[in-house]
PDB file of N, CA and C in Angstrom:
ATOM      1  N   MET A   1     -45.187  56.746 157.326  1.00  0.00           N
ATOM      2  CA  MET A   1     -46.005  57.318 158.372  1.00  0.00           C
ATOM      3  C   MET A   1     -46.635  58.634 157.908  1.00  0.00           C
ATOM      4  N   ALA A   2     -45.844  59.428 157.213  1.00  0.00           N
ATOM      5  CA  ALA A   2     -46.352  60.710 156.725  1.00  0.00           C
ATOM      6  C   ALA A   2     -47.426  60.492 155.667  1.00  0.00           C
ATOM      7  N   LYS A   3     -47.314  59.402 154.945  1.00  0.00           N
ATOM      8  CA  LYS A   3     -48.286  59.096 153.907  1.00  0.00           C
ATOM      9  C   LYS A   3     -49.649  58.808 154.528  1.00  0.00           C
ATOM     10  N   ARG A   4     -49.644  58.077 155.636  1.00  0.00           N
ATOM     11  CA  ARG A   4     -50.906  57.760 156.313  1.00  0.00           C
ATOM     12  C   ARG A   4     -51.557  59.015 156.891  1.00  0.00           C
ATOM     13  N   SER A   5     -50.734  59.906 157.411  1.00  0.00           N
ATOM     14  CA  SER A   5     -51.307  61.124 157.981  1.00  0.00           C
ATOM     15  C   SER A   5     -51.936  61.984 156.879  1.00  0.00           C
ATOM     16  N   ALA A   6     -51.334  61.990 155.700  1.00  0.00           N
ATOM     17  CA  ALA A   6     -51.905  62.744 154.585  1.00  0.00           C
ATOM     18  C   ALA A   6     -53.229  62.124 154.155  1.00  0.00           C
ATOM     19  N   ILE A   7     -53.289  60.796 154.148  1.00  0.00           N
ATOM     20  CA  ILE A   7     -54.534  60.115 153.792  1.00  0.00           C
ATOM     21  C   ILE A   7     -55.593  60.373 154.859  1.00  0.00           C
ATOM     22  N   LYS A   8     -55.194  60.353 156.126  1.00  0.00           N
ATOM     23  CA  LYS A   8     -56.142  60.622 157.218  1.00  0.00           C
ATOM     24  C   LYS A   8     -56.700  62.040 157.106  1.00  0.00           C
ATOM     25  N   LYS A   9     -55.820  62.997 156.782  1.00  0.00           N
ATOM     26  CA  LYS A   9     -56.272  64.379 156.625  1.00  0.00           C
ATOM     27  C   LYS A   9     -57.281  64.491 155.487  1.00  0.00           C
ATOM     28  N   LEU A  10     -57.028  63.772 154.385  1.00  0.00           N
ATOM     29  CA  LEU A  10     -57.942  63.783 153.250  1.00  0.00           C
ATOM     30  C   LEU A  10     -59.286  63.184 153.640  1.00  0.00           C
ATOM     31  N   ILE A  11     -59.271  62.089 154.391  1.00  0.00           N
ATOM     32  CA  ILE A  11     -60.519  61.451 154.831  1.00  0.00           C
ATOM     33  C   ILE A  11     -61.292  62.378 155.761  1.00  0.00           C
ATOM     34  N   ILE A  12     -60.601  63.059 156.647  1.00  0.00           N
ATOM     35  CA  ILE A  12     -61.264  64.002 157.562  1.00  0.00           C
ATOM     36  C   ILE A  12     -61.903  65.142 156.775  1.00  0.00           C
ATOM     37  N   LYS A  13     -61.209  65.654 155.760  1.00  0.00           N
ATOM     38  CA  LYS A  13     -61.768  66.724 154.931  1.00  0.00           C
ATOM     39  C   LYS A  13     -63.012  66.253 154.192  1.00  0.00           C
ATOM     40  N   ILE A  14     -62.971  65.011 153.687  1.00  0.00           N
ATOM     41  CA  ILE A  14     -64.126  64.475 152.963  1.00  0.00           C
ATOM     42  C   ILE A  14     -65.313  64.326 153.903  1.00  0.00           C
ATOM     43  N   ARG A  15     -65.078  63.859 155.138  1.00  0.00           N
ATOM     44  CA  ARG A  15     -66.163  63.696 156.116  1.00  0.00           C
ATOM     45  C   ARG A  15     -66.788  65.045 156.487  1.00  0.00           C
ATOM     46  N   LYS A  16     -65.961  66.082 156.529  1.00  0.00           N
ATOM     47  CA  LYS A  16     -66.471  67.406 156.855  1.00  0.00           C
ATOM     48  C   LYS A  16     -67.233  68.021 155.682  1.00  0.00           C
ATOM     49  N   GLY A  17     -67.040  67.474 154.493  1.00  0.00           N
ATOM     50  CA  GLY A  17     -67.710  68.030 153.319  1.00  0.00           C
ATOM     51  C   GLY A  17     -66.799  68.909 152.499  1.00  0.00           C
ATOM     52  N   ASP A  18     -65.580  69.087 152.933  1.00  0.00           N
ATOM     53  CA  ASP A  18     -64.605  69.892 152.200  1.00  0.00           C
ATOM     54  C   ASP A  18     -63.829  68.963 151.262  1.00  0.00           C
ATOM     55  N   ILE A  19     -64.407  68.680 150.102  1.00  0.00           N
ATOM     56  CA  ILE A  19     -63.826  67.738 149.145  1.00  0.00           C
ATOM     57  C   ILE A  19     -62.853  68.492 148.238  1.00  0.00           C
ATOM     58  N   PRO A  20     -61.654  67.928 148.002  1.00  0.00           N
ATOM     59  CA  PRO A  20     -60.692  68.589 147.113  1.00  0.00           C
ATOM     60  C   PRO A  20     -61.243  68.721 145.695  1.00  0.00           C
ATOM     61  N   TRP A  21     -60.726  69.700 144.947  1.00  0.00           N
ATOM     62  CA  TRP A  21     -61.254  70.008 143.616  1.00  0.00           C
ATOM     63  C   TRP A  21     -61.098  68.845 142.644  1.00  0.00           C
ATOM     64  N   PHE A  22     -60.006  68.085 142.769  1.00  0.00           N
ATOM     65  CA  PHE A  22     -59.796  67.004 141.802  1.00  0.00           C
ATOM     66  C   PHE A  22     -60.735  65.827 142.038  1.00  0.00           C
ATOM     67  N   LEU A  23     -61.337  65.730 143.221  1.00  0.00           N
ATOM     68  CA  LEU A  23     -62.338  64.693 143.455  1.00  0.00           C
ATOM     69  C   LEU A  23     -63.734  65.169 143.055  1.00  0.00           C
ATOM     70  N   LYS A  24     -63.935  66.471 142.982  1.00  0.00           N
ATOM     71  CA  LYS A  24     -65.221  67.010 142.548  1.00  0.00           C
ATOM     72  C   LYS A  24     -65.365  66.948 141.026  1.00  0.00           C
ATOM     73  N   ASN A  25     -64.282  67.139 140.334  1.00  0.00           N
ATOM     74  CA  ASN A  25     -64.309  67.151 138.877  1.00  0.00           C
ATOM     75  C   ASN A  25     -64.323  65.708 138.368  1.00  0.00           C
ATOM     76  N   ARG A  26     -65.441  65.289 137.794  1.00  0.00           N
ATOM     77  CA  ARG A  26     -65.567  63.887 137.386  1.00  0.00           C
ATOM     78  C   ARG A  26     -64.657  63.543 136.211  1.00  0.00           C
ATOM     79  N   TYR A  27     -64.350  64.510 135.357  1.00  0.00           N
ATOM     80  CA  TYR A  27     -63.453  64.245 134.239  1.00  0.00           C
ATOM     81  C   TYR A  27     -62.026  63.995 134.735  1.00  0.00           C
ATOM     82  N   MET A  28     -61.606  64.787 135.701  1.00  0.00           N
ATOM     83  CA  MET A  28     -60.277  64.609 136.291  1.00  0.00           C
ATOM     84  C   MET A  28     -60.195  63.270 137.011  1.00  0.00           C
ATOM     85  N   LEU A  29     -61.236  62.934 137.743  1.00  0.00           N
ATOM     86  CA  LEU A  29     -61.271  61.673 138.477  1.00  0.00           C
ATOM     87  C   LEU A  29     -61.266  60.487 137.509  1.00  0.00           C
ATOM     88  N   CYS A  30     -62.096  60.565 136.478  1.00  0.00           N
ATOM     89  CA  CYS A  30     -62.169  59.488 135.484  1.00  0.00           C
ATOM     90  C   CYS A  30     -60.845  59.359 134.724  1.00  0.00           C
ATOM     91  N   GLY A  31     -60.268  60.476 134.348  1.00  0.00           N
ATOM     92  CA  GLY A  31     -58.982  60.452 133.646  1.00  0.00           C
ATOM     93  C   GLY A  31     -57.869  59.881 134.505  1.00  0.00           C
ATOM     94  N   SER A  32     -57.860  60.251 135.780  1.00  0.00           N
ATOM     95  CA  SER A  32     -56.844  59.726 136.697  1.00  0.00           C
ATOM     96  C   SER A  32     -56.980  58.224 136.864  1.00  0.00           C
ATOM     97  N   VAL A  33     -58.213  57.762 137.049  1.00  0.00           N
ATOM     98  CA  VAL A  33     -58.443  56.322 137.186  1.00  0.00           C
ATOM     99  C   VAL A  33     -58.022  55.604 135.906  1.00  0.00           C
ATOM    100  N   PHE A  34     -58.352  56.184 134.764  1.00  0.00           N
ATOM    101  CA  PHE A  34     -57.973  55.581 133.485  1.00  0.00           C
ATOM    102  C   PHE A  34     -56.459  55.480 133.341  1.00  0.00           C
ATOM    103  N   LEU A  35     -55.744  56.566 133.644  1.00  0.00           N
ATOM    104  CA  LEU A  35     -54.288  56.547 133.526  1.00  0.00           C
ATOM    105  C   LEU A  35     -53.647  55.558 134.487  1.00  0.00           C
ATOM    106  N   ILE A  36     -54.140  55.522 135.719  1.00  0.00           N
ATOM    107  CA  ILE A  36     -53.608  54.556 136.685  1.00  0.00           C
ATOM    108  C   ILE A  36     -53.855  53.139 136.187  1.00  0.00           C
ATOM    109  N   TRP A  37     -55.053  52.900 135.669  1.00  0.00           N
ATOM    110  CA  TRP A  37     -55.374  51.565 135.152  1.00  0.00           C
ATOM    111  C   TRP A  37     -54.456  51.193 133.983  1.00  0.00           C
ATOM    112  N   MET A  38     -54.261  52.121 133.054  1.00  0.00           N
ATOM    113  CA  MET A  38     -53.454  51.824 131.871  1.00  0.00           C
ATOM    114  C   MET A  38     -51.975  51.638 132.205  1.00  0.00           C
ATOM    115  N   PHE A  39     -51.456  52.404 133.157  1.00  0.00           N
ATOM    116  CA  PHE A  39     -50.030  52.312 133.465  1.00  0.00           C
ATOM    117  C   PHE A  39     -49.675  51.132 134.357  1.00  0.00           C
ATOM    118  N   PHE A  40     -50.597  50.684 135.202  1.00  0.00           N
ATOM    119  CA  PHE A  40     -50.217  49.669 136.178  1.00  0.00           C
ATOM    120  C   PHE A  40     -50.997  48.361 136.095  1.00  0.00           C
ATOM    121  N   PHE A  41     -52.278  48.386 135.772  1.00  0.00           N
ATOM    122  CA  PHE A  41     -53.099  47.186 135.898  1.00  0.00           C
ATOM    123  C   PHE A  41     -53.457  46.520 134.575  1.00  0.00           C
ATOM    124  N   ASP A  42     -53.356  47.209 133.482  1.00  0.00           N
ATOM    125  CA  ASP A  42     -53.748  46.654 132.193  1.00  0.00           C
ATOM    126  C   ASP A  42     -52.730  45.619 131.721  1.00  0.00           C
ATOM    127  N   ARG A  43     -53.166  44.706 130.864  1.00  0.00           N
ATOM    128  CA  ARG A  43     -52.274  43.676 130.336  1.00  0.00           C
ATOM    129  C   ARG A  43     -51.142  44.293 129.518  1.00  0.00           C
ATOM    130  N   ASN A  44     -51.405  45.381 128.859  1.00  0.00           N
ATOM    131  CA  ASN A  44     -50.397  46.075 128.053  1.00  0.00           C
ATOM    132  C   ASN A  44     -49.937  47.349 128.754  1.00  0.00           C
ATOM    133  N   ASN A  45     -49.526  47.223 130.011  1.00  0.00           N
ATOM    134  CA  ASN A  45     -49.127  48.401 130.775  1.00  0.00           C
ATOM    135  C   ASN A  45     -47.785  48.943 130.283  1.00  0.00           C
ATOM    136  N   ALA A  46     -47.340  50.015 130.889  1.00  0.00           N
ATOM    137  CA  ALA A  46     -46.138  50.709 130.424  1.00  0.00           C
ATOM    138  C   ALA A  46     -44.897  49.828 130.543  1.00  0.00           C
ATOM    139  N   ILE A  47     -44.805  49.038 131.580  1.00  0.00           N
ATOM    140  CA  ILE A  47     -43.643  48.169 131.763  1.00  0.00           C
ATOM    141  C   ILE A  47     -43.600  47.114 130.662  1.00  0.00           C
ATOM    142  N   GLU A  48     -44.743  46.518 130.361  1.00  0.00           N
ATOM    143  CA  GLU A  48     -44.803  45.517 129.288  1.00  0.00           C
ATOM    144  C   GLU A  48     -44.471  46.141 127.935  1.00  0.00           C
ATOM    145  N   GLN A  49     -44.935  47.356 127.711  1.00  0.00           N
ATOM    146  CA  GLN A  49     -44.637  48.032 126.451  1.00  0.00           C
ATOM    147  C   GLN A  49     -43.137  48.276 126.305  1.00  0.00           C
ATOM    148  N   PHE A  50     -42.477  48.639 127.405  1.00  0.00           N
ATOM    149  CA  PHE A  50     -41.028  48.855 127.367  1.00  0.00           C
ATOM    150  C   PHE A  50     -40.296  47.543 127.084  1.00  0.00           C
ATOM    151  N   LYS A  51     -40.734  46.448 127.711  1.00  0.00           N
ATOM    152  CA  LYS A  51     -40.124  45.134 127.459  1.00  0.00           C
ATOM    153  C   LYS A  51     -40.309  44.730 125.999  1.00  0.00           C
ATOM    154  N   LEU A  52     -41.508  44.954 125.467  1.00  0.00           N
ATOM    155  CA  LEU A  52     -41.767  44.621 124.068  1.00  0.00           C
ATOM    156  C   LEU A  52     -40.919  45.474 123.127  1.00  0.00           C
ATOM    157  N   TYR A  53     -40.721  46.741 123.468  1.00  0.00           N
ATOM    158  CA  TYR A  53     -39.890  47.625 122.655  1.00  0.00           C
ATOM    159  C   TYR A  53     -38.446  47.122 122.621  1.00  0.00           C
ATOM    160  N   ARG A  54     -37.911  46.735 123.797  1.00  0.00           N
ATOM    161  CA  ARG A  54     -36.544  46.208 123.847  1.00  0.00           C
ATOM    162  C   ARG A  54     -36.422  44.923 123.043  1.00  0.00           C
ATOM    163  N   HIS A  55     -37.420  44.045 123.171  1.00  0.00           N
ATOM    164  CA  HIS A  55     -37.405  42.778 122.439  1.00  0.00           C
ATOM    165  C   HIS A  55     -37.449  43.037 120.927  1.00  0.00           C
ATOM    166  N   LEU A  56     -38.273  43.978 120.508  1.00  0.00           N
ATOM    167  CA  LEU A  56     -38.363  44.331 119.090  1.00  0.00           C
ATOM    168  C   LEU A  56     -37.037  44.882 118.580  1.00  0.00           C
ATOM    169  N   ARG A  57     -36.386  45.718 119.388  1.00  0.00           N
ATOM    170  CA  ARG A  57     -35.094  46.278 119.007  1.00  0.00           C
ATOM    171  C   ARG A  57     -34.048  45.168 118.846  1.00  0.00           C
ATOM    172  N   ASP A  58     -34.052  44.183 119.760  1.00  0.00           N
ATOM    173  CA  ASP A  58     -33.130  43.051 119.649  1.00  0.00           C
ATOM    174  C   ASP A  58     -33.411  42.238 118.391  1.00  0.00           C
ATOM    175  N   LEU A  59     -34.694  42.016 118.106  1.00  0.00           N
ATOM    176  CA  LEU A  59     -35.051  41.246 116.916  1.00  0.00           C
ATOM    177  C   LEU A  59     -34.646  41.973 115.633  1.00  0.00           C
ATOM    178  N   LYS A  60     -34.780  43.287 115.623  1.00  0.00           N
ATOM    179  CA  LYS A  60     -34.357  44.053 114.445  1.00  0.00           C
ATOM    180  C   LYS A  60     -32.849  43.953 114.249  1.00  0.00           C
ATOM    181  N   GLY A  61     -32.104  43.955 115.353  1.00  0.00           N
ATOM    182  CA  GLY A  61     -30.653  43.779 115.263  1.00  0.00           C
ATOM    183  C   GLY A  61     -30.287  42.415 114.711  1.00  0.00           C
ATOM    184  N   LYS A  62     -30.993  41.384 115.181  1.00  0.00           N
ATOM    185  CA  LYS A  62     -30.744  40.036 114.669  1.00  0.00           C
ATOM    186  C   LYS A  62     -31.105  39.942 113.191  1.00  0.00           C
ATOM    187  N   LYS A  63     -32.191  40.600 112.812  1.00  0.00           N
ATOM    188  CA  LYS A  63     -32.604  40.583 111.407  1.00  0.00           C
ATOM    189  C   LYS A  63     -31.523  41.208 110.536  1.00  0.00           C
ATOM    190  N   GLU A  64     -30.967  42.315 110.988  1.00  0.00           N
ATOM    191  CA  GLU A  64     -29.902  42.982 110.242  1.00  0.00           C
ATOM    192  C   GLU A  64     -28.676  42.076 110.124  1.00  0.00           C
ATOM    193  N   PHE A  65     -28.320  41.409 111.229  1.00  0.00           N
ATOM    194  CA  PHE A  65     -27.174  40.501 111.219  1.00  0.00           C
ATOM    195  C   PHE A  65     -27.390  39.365 110.225  1.00  0.00           C
ATOM    196  N   TYR A  66     -28.559  38.738 110.279  1.00  0.00           N
ATOM    197  CA  TYR A  66     -28.823  37.613 109.386  1.00  0.00           C
ATOM    198  C   TYR A  66     -28.981  38.057 107.930  1.00  0.00           C
ATOM    199  N   SER A  67     -29.457  39.245 107.709  1.00  0.00           N
ATOM    200  CA  SER A  67     -29.519  39.776 106.339  1.00  0.00           C
ATOM    201  C   SER A  67     -28.112  39.930 105.772  1.00  0.00           C
ATOM    202  N   GLN A  68     -27.202  40.431 106.601  1.00  0.00           N
ATOM    203  CA  GLN A  68     -25.810  40.581 106.172  1.00  0.00           C
ATOM    204  C   GLN A  68     -25.187  39.215 105.902  1.00  0.00           C
ATOM    205  N   GLN A  69     -25.439  38.248 106.784  1.00  0.00           N
ATOM    206  CA  GLN A  69     -24.914  36.897 106.590  1.00  0.00           C
ATOM    207  C   GLN A  69     -25.458  36.288 105.295  1.00  0.00           C
ATOM    208  N   LEU A  70     -26.746  36.473 105.051  1.00  0.00           N
ATOM    209  CA  LEU A  70     -27.373  35.945 103.840  1.00  0.00           C
ATOM    210  C   LEU A  70     -26.756  36.568 102.592  1.00  0.00           C
ATOM    211  N   LYS A  71     -26.499  37.857 102.651  1.00  0.00           N
ATOM    212  CA  LYS A  71     -25.875  38.543 101.518  1.00  0.00           C
ATOM    213  C   LYS A  71     -24.489  37.965 101.241  1.00  0.00           C
ATOM    214  N   GLU A  72     -23.704  37.737 102.306  1.00  0.00           N
ATOM    215  CA  GLU A  72     -22.361  37.181 102.136  1.00  0.00           C
ATOM    216  C   GLU A  72     -22.417  35.766 101.563  1.00  0.00           C
ATOM    217  N   VAL A  73     -23.356  34.957 102.035  1.00  0.00           N
ATOM    218  CA  VAL A  73     -23.481  33.584 101.545  1.00  0.00           C
ATOM    219  C   VAL A  73     -23.904  33.574 100.079  1.00  0.00           C
ATOM    220  N   LYS A  74     -24.807  34.472  99.709  1.00  0.00           N
ATOM    221  CA  LYS A  74     -25.225  34.544  98.302  1.00  0.00           C
ATOM    222  C   LYS A  74     -24.066  34.944  97.400  1.00  0.00           C
ATOM    223  N   GLU A  75     -23.241  35.890  97.865  1.00  0.00           N
ATOM    224  CA  GLU A  75     -22.075  36.292  97.080  1.00  0.00           C
ATOM    225  C   GLU A  75     -21.109  35.122  96.923  1.00  0.00           C
ATOM    226  N   GLU A  76     -20.895  34.384  98.003  1.00  0.00           N
ATOM    227  CA  GLU A  76     -20.010  33.221  97.952  1.00  0.00           C
ATOM    228  C   GLU A  76     -20.573  32.154  97.012  1.00  0.00           C
ATOM    229  N   LYS A  77     -21.869  31.974  97.044  1.00  0.00           N
ATOM    230  CA  LYS A  77     -22.518  30.982  96.171  1.00  0.00           C
ATOM    231  C   LYS A  77     -22.343  31.355  94.700  1.00  0.00           C
ATOM    232  N   THR A  78     -22.605  32.606  94.374  1.00  0.00           N
ATOM    233  CA  THR A  78     -22.456  33.016  92.972  1.00  0.00           C
ATOM    234  C   THR A  78     -21.002  32.904  92.536  1.00  0.00           C
ATOM    235  N   ASP A  79     -20.073  33.215  93.447  1.00  0.00           N
ATOM    236  CA  ASP A  79     -18.656  33.096  93.134  1.00  0.00           C
ATOM    237  C   ASP A  79     -18.280  31.635  92.890  1.00  0.00           C
ATOM    238  N   LEU A  80     -18.822  30.728  93.691  1.00  0.00           N
ATOM    239  CA  LEU A  80     -18.513  29.302  93.533  1.00  0.00           C
ATOM    240  C   LEU A  80     -19.038  28.746  92.221  1.00  0.00           C
ATOM    241  N   PHE A  81     -20.222  29.127  91.841  1.00  0.00           N
ATOM    242  CA  PHE A  81     -20.834  28.555  90.647  1.00  0.00           C
ATOM    243  C   PHE A  81     -20.386  29.228  89.348  1.00  0.00           C
ATOM    244  N   THR A  82     -19.694  30.345  89.446  1.00  0.00           N
ATOM    245  CA  THR A  82     -19.264  31.025  88.227  1.00  0.00           C
ATOM    246  C   THR A  82     -17.811  30.744  87.882  1.00  0.00           C
ATOM    247  N   SER A  83     -16.989  30.442  88.865  1.00  0.00           N
ATOM    248  CA  SER A  83     -15.564  30.267  88.610  1.00  0.00           C
ATOM    249  C   SER A  83     -15.110  28.867  89.022  1.00  0.00           C
ATOM    250  N   GLU A  84     -14.398  28.206  88.129  1.00  0.00           N
ATOM    251  CA  GLU A  84     -13.877  26.857  88.402  1.00  0.00           C
ATOM    252  C   GLU A  84     -12.773  26.907  89.458  1.00  0.00           C
ATOM    253  N   LYS A  85     -11.954  27.958  89.422  1.00  0.00           N
ATOM    254  CA  LYS A  85     -10.859  28.081  90.393  1.00  0.00           C
ATOM    255  C   LYS A  85     -11.391  28.292  91.808  1.00  0.00           C
ATOM    256  N   SER A  86     -12.411  29.102  91.949  1.00  0.00           N
ATOM    257  CA  SER A  86     -12.957  29.339  93.287  1.00  0.00           C
ATOM    258  C   SER A  86     -13.634  28.082  93.832  1.00  0.00           C
ATOM    259  N   LEU A  87     -14.241  27.292  92.964  1.00  0.00           N
ATOM    260  CA  LEU A  87     -14.844  26.031  93.391  1.00  0.00           C
ATOM    261  C   LEU A  87     -13.767  25.060  93.871  1.00  0.00           C
ATOM    262  N   GLU A  88     -12.661  24.996  93.141  1.00  0.00           N
ATOM    263  CA  GLU A  88     -11.549  24.127  93.540  1.00  0.00           C
ATOM    264  C   GLU A  88     -10.950  24.590  94.868  1.00  0.00           C
ATOM    265  N   LYS A  89     -10.776  25.899  95.019  1.00  0.00           N
ATOM    266  CA  LYS A  89     -10.224  26.452  96.262  1.00  0.00           C
ATOM    267  C   LYS A  89     -11.135  26.130  97.446  1.00  0.00           C
ATOM    268  N   TYR A  90     -12.425  26.284  97.259  1.00  0.00           N
ATOM    269  CA  TYR A  90     -13.390  25.989  98.325  1.00  0.00           C
ATOM    270  C   TYR A  90     -13.335  24.509  98.713  1.00  0.00           C
ATOM    271  N   ALA A  91     -13.276  23.630  97.725  1.00  0.00           N
ATOM    272  CA  ALA A  91     -13.219  22.191  97.997  1.00  0.00           C
ATOM    273  C   ALA A  91     -11.939  21.830  98.735  1.00  0.00           C
ATOM    274  N   ARG A  92     -10.826  22.429  98.362  1.00  0.00           N
ATOM    275  CA  ARG A  92      -9.552  22.147  99.034  1.00  0.00           C
ATOM    276  C   ARG A  92      -9.564  22.649 100.477  1.00  0.00           C
ATOM    277  N   GLU A  93     -10.094  23.848 100.713  1.00  0.00           N
ATOM    278  CA  GLU A  93     -10.061  24.429 102.057  1.00  0.00           C
ATOM    279  C   GLU A  93     -11.063  23.787 103.007  1.00  0.00           C
ATOM    280  N   HIS A  94     -12.254  23.495 102.526  1.00  0.00           N
ATOM    281  CA  HIS A  94     -13.304  23.025 103.427  1.00  0.00           C
ATOM    282  C   HIS A  94     -13.435  21.511 103.496  1.00  0.00           C
ATOM    283  N   TYR A  95     -13.096  20.825 102.418  1.00  0.00           N
ATOM    284  CA  TYR A  95     -13.306  19.377 102.382  1.00  0.00           C
ATOM    285  C   TYR A  95     -12.010  18.587 102.227  1.00  0.00           C
ATOM    286  N   MET A  96     -10.869  19.264 102.294  1.00  0.00           N
ATOM    287  CA  MET A  96      -9.549  18.636 102.221  1.00  0.00           C
ATOM    288  C   MET A  96      -9.374  17.779 100.960  1.00  0.00           C
ATOM    289  N   MET A  97      -9.949  18.188  99.875  1.00  0.00           N
ATOM    290  CA  MET A  97      -9.818  17.449  98.618  1.00  0.00           C
ATOM    291  C   MET A  97      -8.485  17.785  97.963  1.00  0.00           C
ATOM    292  N   LYS A  98      -7.998  16.835  97.167  1.00  0.00           N
ATOM    293  CA  LYS A  98      -6.717  17.029  96.488  1.00  0.00           C
ATOM    294  C   LYS A  98      -6.758  16.357  95.126  1.00  0.00           C
ATOM    295  N   LYS A  99      -5.810  16.739  94.311  1.00  0.00           N
ATOM    296  CA  LYS A  99      -5.670  16.097  93.006  1.00  0.00           C
ATOM    297  C   LYS A  99      -4.943  14.765  93.198  1.00  0.00           C
ATOM    298  N   PRO A 100      -5.100  13.838  92.259  1.00  0.00           N
ATOM    299  CA  PRO A 100      -4.489  12.503  92.430  1.00  0.00           C
ATOM    300  C   PRO A 100      -2.968  12.519  92.560  1.00  0.00           C
ATOM    301  N   ASN A 101      -2.285  13.462  91.968  1.00  0.00           N
ATOM    302  CA  ASN A 101      -0.821  13.475  92.015  1.00  0.00           C
ATOM    303  C   ASN A 101      -0.267  14.401  93.105  1.00  0.00           C
ATOM    304  N   GLU A 102      -1.085  14.799  94.061  1.00  0.00           N
ATOM    305  CA  GLU A 102      -0.655  15.721  95.113  1.00  0.00           C
ATOM    306  C   GLU A 102      -0.636  15.018  96.464  1.00  0.00           C
ATOM    307  N   ASP A 103       0.175  15.559  97.362  1.00  0.00           N
ATOM    308  CA  ASP A 103       0.167  15.127  98.758  1.00  0.00           C
ATOM    309  C   ASP A 103      -0.435  16.256  99.581  1.00  0.00           C
ATOM    310  N   LEU A 104      -1.227  15.885 100.571  1.00  0.00           N
ATOM    311  CA  LEU A 104      -1.907  16.875 101.400  1.00  0.00           C
ATOM    312  C   LEU A 104      -1.342  16.805 102.809  1.00  0.00           C
ATOM    313  N   PHE A 105      -0.876  17.922 103.314  1.00  0.00           N
ATOM    314  CA  PHE A 105      -0.345  18.000 104.673  1.00  0.00           C
ATOM    315  C   PHE A 105      -1.236  18.934 105.481  1.00  0.00           C
ATOM    316  N   VAL A 106      -1.735  18.426 106.593  1.00  0.00           N
ATOM    317  CA  VAL A 106      -2.562  19.238 107.483  1.00  0.00           C
ATOM    318  C   VAL A 106      -1.722  19.585 108.700  1.00  0.00           C
ATOM    319  N   ILE A 107      -1.528  20.846 108.945  1.00  0.00           N
ATOM    320  CA  ILE A 107      -0.727  21.304 110.078  1.00  0.00           C
ATOM    321  C   ILE A 107      -1.686  21.712 111.185  1.00  0.00           C
ATOM    322  N   VAL A 108      -1.564  21.010 112.304  1.00  0.00           N
ATOM    323  CA  VAL A 108      -2.420  21.283 113.451  1.00  0.00           C
ATOM    324  C   VAL A 108      -1.614  22.104 114.446  1.00  0.00           C
ATOM    325  N   PRO A 109      -2.112  23.255 114.864  1.00  0.00           N
ATOM    326  CA  PRO A 109      -1.362  24.060 115.831  1.00  0.00           C
ATOM    327  C   PRO A 109      -1.297  23.361 117.189  1.00  0.00           C
ATOM    328  N   ALA A 110      -0.175  23.533 117.869  1.00  0.00           N
ATOM    329  CA  ALA A 110       0.012  22.906 119.182  1.00  0.00           C
ATOM    330  C   ALA A 110      -0.904  23.565 120.202  1.00  0.00           C
ATOM    331  N   GLU A 111      -1.395  22.770 121.134  1.00  0.00           N
ATOM    332  CA  GLU A 111      -2.282  23.295 122.176  1.00  0.00           C
ATOM    333  C   GLU A 111      -1.466  24.044 123.219  1.00  0.00           C
ATOM    334  N   LYS A 112      -1.989  25.137 123.680  1.00  0.00           N
ATOM    335  CA  LYS A 112      -1.321  25.921 124.721  1.00  0.00           C
ATOM    336  C   LYS A 112      -1.689  25.356 126.076  1.00  0.00           C
ATOM    337  N   LYS A 113      -0.695  25.270 126.937  1.00  0.00           N
ATOM    338  CA  LYS A 113      -0.946  24.720 128.287  1.00  0.00           C
ATOM    339  C   LYS A 113      -0.991  25.805 129.315  1.00  0.00           C
TER     340      LYS A 113
END
């Protein structure tokens, strides 16, 4: 309600010819319209820019995570291809491979109820 009365007072002043200084100054008026347009109505307004910034920050975090994962996988790969023992260990752990004269026992943990 108070907002409408302030607008009514402004309209009455304009009708009387007593125009506020910020409406007389065309640079101030143009700048205000420009800022309002850029912050609220433009396709790349301030809210969209903030959303894009957050999305970019998340993507950079994911990039860092995947870079670390890639580094670990490359280290594991070089280790596998350089050492016969590490290749055998990897095959035993991941693919349950065994030598012909060995027995393989897989221990499955009991399910909790």
